[in-house]
Amino acid sequence: GLFGALSNFTELIHFFKRYNKVVVPMLPLLDMDI
């Protein structure tokens, strides 16, 4: 989300990487031109 970071998904990644390819794109929320 808007104030999201990798820390938001730590437990989710740790659990599901055993069963899935877990992908977290770094959305450029604050890096795109206005």
Full PDB file with SEQRES, HELIX, SHEET, SSBOND, CRYST1, ORIGX, SCALE, CONECT and MASTER records, all heavy atoms in Angstrom:
SEQRES   1 A   34  GLY LEU PHE GLY ALA LEU SER ASN PHE THR GLU LEU ILE          
SEQRES   2 A   34  HIS PHE PHE LYS ARG TYR ASN LYS VAL VAL VAL PRO MET          
SEQRES   3 A   34  LEU PRO LEU LEU ASP MET ASP ILE                              
HELIX    1 AA1 LEU A    6  PHE A    9  5                                   4    
HELIX    2 AA2 THR A   10  PHE A   16  1                                   7    
CRYST1    1.000    1.000    1.000  90.00  90.00  90.00 P 1           1          
ORIGX1      1.000000  0.000000  0.000000        0.00000                         
ORIGX2      0.000000  1.000000  0.000000        0.00000                         
ORIGX3      0.000000  0.000000  1.000000        0.00000                         
SCALE1      1.000000  0.000000  0.000000        0.00000                         
SCALE2      0.000000  1.000000  0.000000        0.00000                         
SCALE3      0.000000  0.000000  1.000000        0.00000                         
ATOM      1  N   GLY A   1       0.803  -1.214   0.000  1.00  0.00           N  
ATOM      2  CA  GLY A   1       0.000   0.000   0.000  1.00  0.00           C  
ATOM      3  C   GLY A   1       0.835   1.263   0.000  1.00  0.00           C  
ATOM      4  O   GLY A   1       2.059   1.233  -0.196  1.00  0.00           O  
ATOM      5  N   LEU A   2       0.173   2.381   0.260  1.00  0.00           N  
ATOM      6  CA  LEU A   2       0.789   3.702   0.144  1.00  0.00           C  
ATOM      7  C   LEU A   2       1.979   3.883   1.077  1.00  0.00           C  
ATOM      8  O   LEU A   2       2.987   4.475   0.711  1.00  0.00           O  
ATOM      9  CB  LEU A   2      -0.271   4.781   0.412  1.00  0.00           C  
ATOM     10  CG  LEU A   2       0.103   6.238   0.143  1.00  0.00           C  
ATOM     11  CD1 LEU A   2       0.651   6.413  -1.266  1.00  0.00           C  
ATOM     12  CD2 LEU A   2      -1.112   7.124   0.334  1.00  0.00           C  
ATOM     13  N   PHE A   3       1.869   3.380   2.294  1.00  0.00           N  
ATOM     14  CA  PHE A   3       2.979   3.463   3.235  1.00  0.00           C  
ATOM     15  C   PHE A   3       3.590   2.086   3.464  1.00  0.00           C  
ATOM     16  O   PHE A   3       4.225   1.824   4.473  1.00  0.00           O  
ATOM     17  CB  PHE A   3       2.515   4.076   4.564  1.00  0.00           C  
ATOM     18  CG  PHE A   3       2.134   5.518   4.436  1.00  0.00           C  
ATOM     19  CD1 PHE A   3       0.809   5.887   4.307  1.00  0.00           C  
ATOM     20  CD2 PHE A   3       3.104   6.507   4.421  1.00  0.00           C  
ATOM     21  CE1 PHE A   3       0.444   7.221   4.166  1.00  0.00           C  
ATOM     22  CE2 PHE A   3       2.758   7.844   4.286  1.00  0.00           C  
ATOM     23  CZ  PHE A   3       1.428   8.202   4.161  1.00  0.00           C  
ATOM     24  N   GLY A   4       3.371   1.217   2.483  1.00  0.00           N  
ATOM     25  CA  GLY A   4       3.820  -0.165   2.619  1.00  0.00           C  
ATOM     26  C   GLY A   4       5.318  -0.311   2.445  1.00  0.00           C  
ATOM     27  O   GLY A   4       5.981   0.512   1.843  1.00  0.00           O  
ATOM     28  N   ALA A   5       5.809  -1.405   2.998  1.00  0.00           N  
ATOM     29  CA  ALA A   5       7.217  -1.758   2.869  1.00  0.00           C  
ATOM     30  C   ALA A   5       7.315  -3.271   2.944  1.00  0.00           C  
ATOM     31  O   ALA A   5       6.330  -3.963   3.219  1.00  0.00           O  
ATOM     32  CB  ALA A   5       8.032  -1.102   3.984  1.00  0.00           C  
ATOM     33  N   LEU A   6       8.504  -3.783   2.711  1.00  0.00           N  
ATOM     34  CA  LEU A   6       8.695  -5.226   2.756  1.00  0.00           C  
ATOM     35  C   LEU A   6       8.318  -5.807   4.111  1.00  0.00           C  
ATOM     36  O   LEU A   6       7.850  -6.944   4.204  1.00  0.00           O  
ATOM     37  CB  LEU A   6      10.157  -5.569   2.445  1.00  0.00           C  
ATOM     38  CG  LEU A   6      10.570  -5.395   0.986  1.00  0.00           C  
ATOM     39  CD1 LEU A   6      12.026  -5.748   0.815  1.00  0.00           C  
ATOM     40  CD2 LEU A   6       9.716  -6.257   0.086  1.00  0.00           C  
ATOM     41  N   SER A   7       8.492  -5.012   5.155  1.00  0.00           N  
ATOM     42  CA  SER A   7       8.176  -5.491   6.498  1.00  0.00           C  
ATOM     43  C   SER A   7       6.703  -5.888   6.627  1.00  0.00           C  
ATOM     44  O   SER A   7       6.344  -6.722   7.457  1.00  0.00           O  
ATOM     45  CB  SER A   7       8.525  -4.417   7.540  1.00  0.00           C  
ATOM     46  OG  SER A   7       7.818  -3.215   7.259  1.00  0.00           O  
ATOM     47  N   ASN A   8       5.848  -5.293   5.776  1.00  0.00           N  
ATOM     48  CA  ASN A   8       4.421  -5.632   5.812  1.00  0.00           C  
ATOM     49  C   ASN A   8       4.162  -7.089   5.469  1.00  0.00           C  
ATOM     50  O   ASN A   8       3.181  -7.685   5.908  1.00  0.00           O  
ATOM     51  CB  ASN A   8       3.632  -4.767   4.813  1.00  0.00           C  
ATOM     52  CG  ASN A   8       3.660  -3.294   5.155  1.00  0.00           C  
ATOM     53  OD1 ASN A   8       4.572  -2.819   5.813  1.00  0.00           O  
ATOM     54  ND2 ASN A   8       2.672  -2.569   4.696  1.00  0.00           N  
ATOM     55  N   PHE A   9       5.053  -7.657   4.655  1.00  0.00           N  
ATOM     56  CA  PHE A   9       4.822  -8.998   4.112  1.00  0.00           C  
ATOM     57  C   PHE A   9       5.794 -10.051   4.635  1.00  0.00           C  
ATOM     58  O   PHE A   9       5.829 -11.157   4.109  1.00  0.00           O  
ATOM     59  CB  PHE A   9       4.915  -8.951   2.587  1.00  0.00           C  
ATOM     60  CG  PHE A   9       3.808  -8.190   1.906  1.00  0.00           C  
ATOM     61  CD1 PHE A   9       4.103  -7.214   0.961  1.00  0.00           C  
ATOM     62  CD2 PHE A   9       2.475  -8.439   2.187  1.00  0.00           C  
ATOM     63  CE1 PHE A   9       3.090  -6.521   0.314  1.00  0.00           C  
ATOM     64  CE2 PHE A   9       1.453  -7.750   1.552  1.00  0.00           C  
ATOM     65  CZ  PHE A   9       1.765  -6.793   0.616  1.00  0.00           C  
ATOM     66  N   THR A  10       6.578  -9.721   5.650  1.00  0.00           N  
ATOM     67  CA  THR A  10       7.628 -10.624   6.113  1.00  0.00           C  
ATOM     68  C   THR A  10       7.096 -12.017   6.433  1.00  0.00           C  
ATOM     69  O   THR A  10       7.620 -13.031   5.935  1.00  0.00           O  
ATOM     70  CB  THR A  10       8.329 -10.048   7.358  1.00  0.00           C  
ATOM     71  OG1 THR A  10       8.917  -8.792   7.008  1.00  0.00           O  
ATOM     72  CG2 THR A  10       9.428 -10.971   7.844  1.00  0.00           C  
ATOM     73  N   GLU A  11       6.057 -12.092   7.265  1.00  0.00           N  
ATOM     74  CA  GLU A  11       5.519 -13.395   7.677  1.00  0.00           C  
ATOM     75  C   GLU A  11       4.889 -14.129   6.500  1.00  0.00           C  
ATOM     76  O   GLU A  11       4.982 -15.351   6.390  1.00  0.00           O  
ATOM     77  CB  GLU A  11       4.487 -13.206   8.796  1.00  0.00           C  
ATOM     78  CG  GLU A  11       5.046 -12.623  10.079  1.00  0.00           C  
ATOM     79  CD  GLU A  11       6.008 -13.568  10.776  1.00  0.00           C  
ATOM     80  OE1 GLU A  11       5.884 -14.785  10.594  1.00  0.00           O  
ATOM     81  OE2 GLU A  11       6.893 -13.072  11.495  1.00  0.00           O  
ATOM     82  N   LEU A  12       4.252 -13.387   5.627  1.00  0.00           N  
ATOM     83  CA  LEU A  12       3.597 -13.975   4.467  1.00  0.00           C  
ATOM     84  C   LEU A  12       4.631 -14.589   3.513  1.00  0.00           C  
ATOM     85  O   LEU A  12       4.465 -15.720   3.037  1.00  0.00           O  
ATOM     86  CB  LEU A  12       2.770 -12.892   3.758  1.00  0.00           C  
ATOM     87  CG  LEU A  12       1.637 -13.347   2.834  1.00  0.00           C  
ATOM     88  CD1 LEU A  12       0.607 -12.234   2.693  1.00  0.00           C  
ATOM     89  CD2 LEU A  12       2.155 -13.715   1.457  1.00  0.00           C  
ATOM     90  N   ILE A  13       5.699 -13.852   3.243  1.00  0.00           N  
ATOM     91  CA  ILE A  13       6.761 -14.371   2.367  1.00  0.00           C  
ATOM     92  C   ILE A  13       7.369 -15.632   2.965  1.00  0.00           C  
ATOM     93  O   ILE A  13       7.551 -16.646   2.277  1.00  0.00           O  
ATOM     94  CB  ILE A  13       7.859 -13.308   2.140  1.00  0.00           C  
ATOM     95  CG1 ILE A  13       7.304 -12.077   1.431  1.00  0.00           C  
ATOM     96  CG2 ILE A  13       9.015 -13.892   1.315  1.00  0.00           C  
ATOM     97  CD1 ILE A  13       8.245 -10.879   1.418  1.00  0.00           C  
ATOM     98  N   HIS A  14       7.685 -15.561   4.242  1.00  0.00           N  
ATOM     99  CA  HIS A  14       8.342 -16.681   4.925  1.00  0.00           C  
ATOM    100  C   HIS A  14       7.490 -17.954   4.849  1.00  0.00           C  
ATOM    101  O   HIS A  14       8.016 -19.056   4.646  1.00  0.00           O  
ATOM    102  CB  HIS A  14       8.613 -16.319   6.384  1.00  0.00           C  
ATOM    103  CG  HIS A  14       9.282 -17.399   7.166  1.00  0.00           C  
ATOM    104  ND1 HIS A  14      10.582 -17.804   6.913  1.00  0.00           N  
ATOM    105  CD2 HIS A  14       8.826 -18.187   8.176  1.00  0.00           C  
ATOM    106  CE1 HIS A  14      10.897 -18.787   7.739  1.00  0.00           C  
ATOM    107  NE2 HIS A  14       9.850 -19.044   8.515  1.00  0.00           N  
ATOM    108  N   PHE A  15       6.179 -17.798   4.993  1.00  0.00           N  
ATOM    109  CA  PHE A  15       5.285 -18.957   4.964  1.00  0.00           C  
ATOM    110  C   PHE A  15       5.089 -19.492   3.552  1.00  0.00           C  
ATOM    111  O   PHE A  15       5.219 -20.704   3.304  1.00  0.00           O  
ATOM    112  CB  PHE A  15       3.931 -18.581   5.577  1.00  0.00           C  
ATOM    113  CG  PHE A  15       2.946 -19.711   5.634  1.00  0.00           C  
ATOM    114  CD1 PHE A  15       2.935 -20.575   6.717  1.00  0.00           C  
ATOM    115  CD2 PHE A  15       2.027 -19.911   4.609  1.00  0.00           C  
ATOM    116  CE1 PHE A  15       2.022 -21.631   6.773  1.00  0.00           C  
ATOM    117  CE2 PHE A  15       1.117 -20.959   4.654  1.00  0.00           C  
ATOM    118  CZ  PHE A  15       1.117 -21.822   5.744  1.00  0.00           C  
ATOM    119  N   PHE A  16       4.786 -18.615   2.612  1.00  0.00           N  
ATOM    120  CA  PHE A  16       4.362 -19.076   1.288  1.00  0.00           C  
ATOM    121  C   PHE A  16       5.501 -19.398   0.329  1.00  0.00           C  
ATOM    122  O   PHE A  16       5.262 -20.052  -0.692  1.00  0.00           O  
ATOM    123  CB  PHE A  16       3.389 -18.061   0.666  1.00  0.00           C  
ATOM    124  CG  PHE A  16       1.995 -18.196   1.208  1.00  0.00           C  
ATOM    125  CD1 PHE A  16       1.566 -17.373   2.243  1.00  0.00           C  
ATOM    126  CD2 PHE A  16       1.126 -19.155   0.732  1.00  0.00           C  
ATOM    127  CE1 PHE A  16       0.293 -17.505   2.781  1.00  0.00           C  
ATOM    128  CE2 PHE A  16      -0.147 -19.300   1.253  1.00  0.00           C  
ATOM    129  CZ  PHE A  16      -0.568 -18.471   2.281  1.00  0.00           C  
ATOM    130  N   LYS A  17       6.721 -19.005   0.641  1.00  0.00           N  
ATOM    131  CA  LYS A  17       7.826 -19.347  -0.263  1.00  0.00           C  
ATOM    132  C   LYS A  17       8.069 -20.858  -0.297  1.00  0.00           C  
ATOM    133  O   LYS A  17       8.754 -21.353  -1.187  1.00  0.00           O  
ATOM    134  CB  LYS A  17       9.100 -18.591   0.122  1.00  0.00           C  
ATOM    135  CG  LYS A  17       9.730 -19.049   1.421  1.00  0.00           C  
ATOM    136  CD  LYS A  17      11.006 -18.263   1.703  1.00  0.00           C  
ATOM    137  CE  LYS A  17      11.683 -18.769   2.976  1.00  0.00           C  
ATOM    138  NZ  LYS A  17      12.944 -18.031   3.246  1.00  0.00           N  
ATOM    139  N   ARG A  18       7.486 -21.592   0.629  1.00  0.00           N  
ATOM    140  CA  ARG A  18       7.578 -23.051   0.619  1.00  0.00           C  
ATOM    141  C   ARG A  18       6.666 -23.669  -0.430  1.00  0.00           C  
ATOM    142  O   ARG A  18       6.846 -24.829  -0.815  1.00  0.00           O  
ATOM    143  CB  ARG A  18       7.215 -23.618   1.993  1.00  0.00           C  
ATOM    144  CG  ARG A  18       8.194 -23.262   3.091  1.00  0.00           C  
ATOM    145  CD  ARG A  18       7.710 -23.773   4.439  1.00  0.00           C  
ATOM    146  NE  ARG A  18       6.600 -22.975   4.954  1.00  0.00           N  
ATOM    147  CZ  ARG A  18       5.905 -23.294   6.050  1.00  0.00           C  
ATOM    148  NH1 ARG A  18       6.186 -24.408   6.716  1.00  0.00           N  
ATOM    149  NH2 ARG A  18       4.934 -22.508   6.467  1.00  0.00           N  
ATOM    150  N   TYR A  19       5.671 -22.906  -0.869  1.00  0.00           N  
ATOM    151  CA  TYR A  19       4.645 -23.463  -1.754  1.00  0.00           C  
ATOM    152  C   TYR A  19       4.512 -22.718  -3.081  1.00  0.00           C  
ATOM    153  O   TYR A  19       3.949 -23.261  -4.033  1.00  0.00           O  
ATOM    154  CB  TYR A  19       3.282 -23.419  -1.053  1.00  0.00           C  
ATOM    155  CG  TYR A  19       3.279 -23.989   0.333  1.00  0.00           C  
ATOM    156  CD1 TYR A  19       3.289 -23.152   1.455  1.00  0.00           C  
ATOM    157  CD2 TYR A  19       3.271 -25.364   0.539  1.00  0.00           C  
ATOM    158  CE1 TYR A  19       3.271 -23.679   2.743  1.00  0.00           C  
ATOM    159  CE2 TYR A  19       3.269 -25.901   1.826  1.00  0.00           C  
ATOM    160  CZ  TYR A  19       3.272 -25.051   2.923  1.00  0.00           C  
ATOM    161  OH  TYR A  19       3.272 -25.572   4.188  1.00  0.00           O  
ATOM    162  N   ASN A  20       4.963 -21.486  -3.110  1.00  0.00           N  
ATOM    163  CA  ASN A  20       4.771 -20.632  -4.287  1.00  0.00           C  
ATOM    164  C   ASN A  20       6.038 -19.854  -4.594  1.00  0.00           C  
ATOM    165  O   ASN A  20       6.919 -19.732  -3.747  1.00  0.00           O  
ATOM    166  CB  ASN A  20       3.635 -19.624  -4.049  1.00  0.00           C  
ATOM    167  CG  ASN A  20       2.295 -20.271  -3.841  1.00  0.00           C  
ATOM    168  OD1 ASN A  20       1.936 -20.634  -2.728  1.00  0.00           O  
ATOM    169  ND2 ASN A  20       1.545 -20.440  -4.914  1.00  0.00           N  
ATOM    170  N   LYS A  21       6.079 -19.310  -5.800  1.00  0.00           N  
ATOM    171  CA  LYS A  21       7.088 -18.299  -6.123  1.00  0.00           C  
ATOM    172  C   LYS A  21       6.512 -16.965  -5.640  1.00  0.00           C  
ATOM    173  O   LYS A  21       5.603 -16.407  -6.270  1.00  0.00           O  
ATOM    174  CB  LYS A  21       7.361 -18.260  -7.622  1.00  0.00           C  
ATOM    175  CG  LYS A  21       8.387 -17.214  -8.034  1.00  0.00           C  
ATOM    176  CD  LYS A  21       8.602 -17.221  -9.545  1.00  0.00           C  
ATOM    177  CE  LYS A  21       9.380 -18.456  -9.950  1.00  0.00           C  
ATOM    178  NZ  LYS A  21       9.676 -18.469 -11.399  1.00  0.00           N  
ATOM    179  N   VAL A  22       7.006 -16.467  -4.526  1.00  0.00           N  
ATOM    180  CA  VAL A  22       6.471 -15.232  -3.953  1.00  0.00           C  
ATOM    181  C   VAL A  22       7.218 -14.042  -4.556  1.00  0.00           C  
ATOM    182  O   VAL A  22       8.446 -13.957  -4.470  1.00  0.00           O  
ATOM    183  CB  VAL A  22       6.604 -15.222  -2.418  1.00  0.00           C  
ATOM    184  CG1 VAL A  22       5.975 -13.963  -1.849  1.00  0.00           C  
ATOM    185  CG2 VAL A  22       5.939 -16.458  -1.807  1.00  0.00           C  
ATOM    186  N   VAL A  23       6.465 -13.143  -5.169  1.00  0.00           N  
ATOM    187  CA  VAL A  23       7.042 -12.010  -5.903  1.00  0.00           C  
ATOM    188  C   VAL A  23       6.516 -10.710  -5.287  1.00  0.00           C  
ATOM    189  O   VAL A  23       5.303 -10.542  -5.119  1.00  0.00           O  
ATOM    190  CB  VAL A  23       6.660 -12.067  -7.398  1.00  0.00           C  
ATOM    191  CG1 VAL A  23       7.270 -10.882  -8.150  1.00  0.00           C  
ATOM    192  CG2 VAL A  23       7.085 -13.386  -8.020  1.00  0.00           C  
ATOM    193  N   VAL A  24       7.430  -9.819  -4.952  1.00  0.00           N  
ATOM    194  CA  VAL A  24       7.035  -8.511  -4.422  1.00  0.00           C  
ATOM    195  C   VAL A  24       7.684  -7.420  -5.276  1.00  0.00           C  
ATOM    196  O   VAL A  24       8.859  -7.087  -5.091  1.00  0.00           O  
ATOM    197  CB  VAL A  24       7.451  -8.325  -2.951  1.00  0.00           C  
ATOM    198  CG1 VAL A  24       6.809  -7.057  -2.379  1.00  0.00           C  
ATOM    199  CG2 VAL A  24       7.097  -9.537  -2.104  1.00  0.00           C  
ATOM    200  N   PRO A  25       6.961  -6.872  -6.252  1.00  0.00           N  
ATOM    201  CA  PRO A  25       7.517  -5.747  -7.012  1.00  0.00           C  
ATOM    202  C   PRO A  25       7.564  -4.499  -6.137  1.00  0.00           C  
ATOM    203  O   PRO A  25       6.630  -4.231  -5.380  1.00  0.00           O  
ATOM    204  CB  PRO A  25       6.539  -5.578  -8.174  1.00  0.00           C  
ATOM    205  CG  PRO A  25       5.255  -6.166  -7.689  1.00  0.00           C  
ATOM    206  CD  PRO A  25       5.605  -7.233  -6.698  1.00  0.00           C  
ATOM    207  N   MET A  26       8.649  -3.750  -6.226  1.00  0.00           N  
ATOM    208  CA  MET A  26       8.759  -2.491  -5.483  1.00  0.00           C  
ATOM    209  C   MET A  26       8.012  -1.412  -6.276  1.00  0.00           C  
ATOM    210  O   MET A  26       8.554  -0.843  -7.234  1.00  0.00           O  
ATOM    211  CB  MET A  26      10.229  -2.081  -5.320  1.00  0.00           C  
ATOM    212  CG  MET A  26      11.148  -3.157  -4.751  1.00  0.00           C  
ATOM    213  SD  MET A  26      10.882  -3.447  -3.009  1.00  0.00           S  
ATOM    214  CE  MET A  26      10.090  -5.034  -3.070  1.00  0.00           C  
ATOM    215  N   LEU A  27       6.771  -1.182  -5.917  1.00  0.00           N  
ATOM    216  CA  LEU A  27       5.982  -0.191  -6.652  1.00  0.00           C  
ATOM    217  C   LEU A  27       6.571   1.204  -6.431  1.00  0.00           C  
ATOM    218  O   LEU A  27       6.792   1.608  -5.290  1.00  0.00           O  
ATOM    219  CB  LEU A  27       4.527  -0.222  -6.188  1.00  0.00           C  
ATOM    220  CG  LEU A  27       3.772  -1.535  -6.425  1.00  0.00           C  
ATOM    221  CD1 LEU A  27       2.361  -1.439  -5.850  1.00  0.00           C  
ATOM    222  CD2 LEU A  27       3.714  -1.875  -7.911  1.00  0.00           C  
ATOM    223  N   PRO A  28       6.810   1.947  -7.514  1.00  0.00           N  
ATOM    224  CA  PRO A  28       7.460   3.265  -7.392  1.00  0.00           C  
ATOM    225  C   PRO A  28       6.462   4.354  -6.992  1.00  0.00           C  
ATOM    226  O   PRO A  28       6.279   5.344  -7.709  1.00  0.00           O  
ATOM    227  CB  PRO A  28       8.006   3.492  -8.804  1.00  0.00           C  
ATOM    228  CG  PRO A  28       7.000   2.818  -9.689  1.00  0.00           C  
ATOM    229  CD  PRO A  28       6.521   1.612  -8.921  1.00  0.00           C  
ATOM    230  N   LEU A  29       5.846   4.179  -5.834  1.00  0.00           N  
ATOM    231  CA  LEU A  29       4.775   5.085  -5.407  1.00  0.00           C  
ATOM    232  C   LEU A  29       5.216   6.537  -5.402  1.00  0.00           C  
ATOM    233  O   LEU A  29       4.459   7.436  -5.772  1.00  0.00           O  
ATOM    234  CB  LEU A  29       4.296   4.701  -4.005  1.00  0.00           C  
ATOM    235  CG  LEU A  29       3.776   3.271  -3.812  1.00  0.00           C  
ATOM    236  CD1 LEU A  29       3.385   3.053  -2.357  1.00  0.00           C  
ATOM    237  CD2 LEU A  29       2.592   2.995  -4.716  1.00  0.00           C  
ATOM    238  N   LEU A  30       6.442   6.762  -4.950  1.00  0.00           N  
ATOM    239  CA  LEU A  30       6.909   8.136  -4.760  1.00  0.00           C  
ATOM    240  C   LEU A  30       8.061   8.488  -5.697  1.00  0.00           C  
ATOM    241  O   LEU A  30       8.721   9.496  -5.507  1.00  0.00           O  
ATOM    242  CB  LEU A  30       7.330   8.331  -3.294  1.00  0.00           C  
ATOM    243  CG  LEU A  30       6.252   7.949  -2.267  1.00  0.00           C  
ATOM    244  CD1 LEU A  30       6.786   8.047  -0.850  1.00  0.00           C  
ATOM    245  CD2 LEU A  30       5.006   8.807  -2.433  1.00  0.00           C  
ATOM    246  N   ASP A  31       8.268   7.649  -6.711  1.00  0.00           N  
ATOM    247  CA  ASP A  31       9.388   7.866  -7.626  1.00  0.00           C  
ATOM    248  C   ASP A  31       8.966   8.192  -9.052  1.00  0.00           C  
ATOM    249  O   ASP A  31       9.801   8.546  -9.885  1.00  0.00           O  
ATOM    250  CB  ASP A  31      10.295   6.619  -7.647  1.00  0.00           C  
ATOM    251  CG  ASP A  31      10.902   6.338  -6.281  1.00  0.00           C  
ATOM    252  OD1 ASP A  31      11.282   7.312  -5.607  1.00  0.00           O  
ATOM    253  OD2 ASP A  31      10.976   5.165  -5.891  1.00  0.00           O  
ATOM    254  N   MET A  32       7.669   8.059  -9.361  1.00  0.00           N  
ATOM    255  CA  MET A  32       7.212   8.402 -10.703  1.00  0.00           C  
ATOM    256  C   MET A  32       7.066   9.911 -10.832  1.00  0.00           C  
ATOM    257  O   MET A  32       6.923  10.611  -9.825  1.00  0.00           O  
ATOM    258  CB  MET A  32       5.868   7.728 -10.991  1.00  0.00           C  
ATOM    259  CG  MET A  32       5.934   6.207 -11.024  1.00  0.00           C  
ATOM    260  SD  MET A  32       4.391   5.442 -11.599  1.00  0.00           S  
ATOM    261  CE  MET A  32       3.252   5.899 -10.311  1.00  0.00           C  
ATOM    262  N   ASP A  33       7.094  10.403 -12.082  1.00  0.00           N  
ATOM    263  CA  ASP A  33       6.855  11.834 -12.249  1.00  0.00           C  
ATOM    264  C   ASP A  33       5.410  12.119 -11.874  1.00  0.00           C  
ATOM    265  O   ASP A  33       4.544  11.244 -11.922  1.00  0.00           O  
ATOM    266  CB  ASP A  33       7.171  12.279 -13.675  1.00  0.00           C  
ATOM    267  CG  ASP A  33       6.222  11.673 -14.703  1.00  0.00           C  
ATOM    268  OD1 ASP A  33       5.087  12.155 -14.822  1.00  0.00           O  
ATOM    269  OD2 ASP A  33       6.626  10.691 -15.369  1.00  0.00           O  
ATOM    270  N   ILE A  34       5.147  13.341 -11.487  1.00  0.00           N  
ATOM    271  CA  ILE A  34       3.859  13.693 -10.884  1.00  0.00           C  
ATOM    272  C   ILE A  34       2.686  13.427 -11.836  1.00  0.00           C  
ATOM    273  O   ILE A  34       1.590  13.074 -11.396  1.00  0.00           O  
ATOM    274  CB  ILE A  34       3.854  15.176 -10.404  1.00  0.00           C  
ATOM    275  CG1 ILE A  34       2.661  15.443  -9.460  1.00  0.00           C  
ATOM    276  CG2 ILE A  34       3.869  16.125 -11.575  1.00  0.00           C  
ATOM    277  CD1 ILE A  34       2.731  14.732  -8.142  1.00  0.00           C  
TER     278      ILE A  34                                                      
MASTER        0    0    0    2    0    0    0    6  277    1    0    3          
END                                                                             
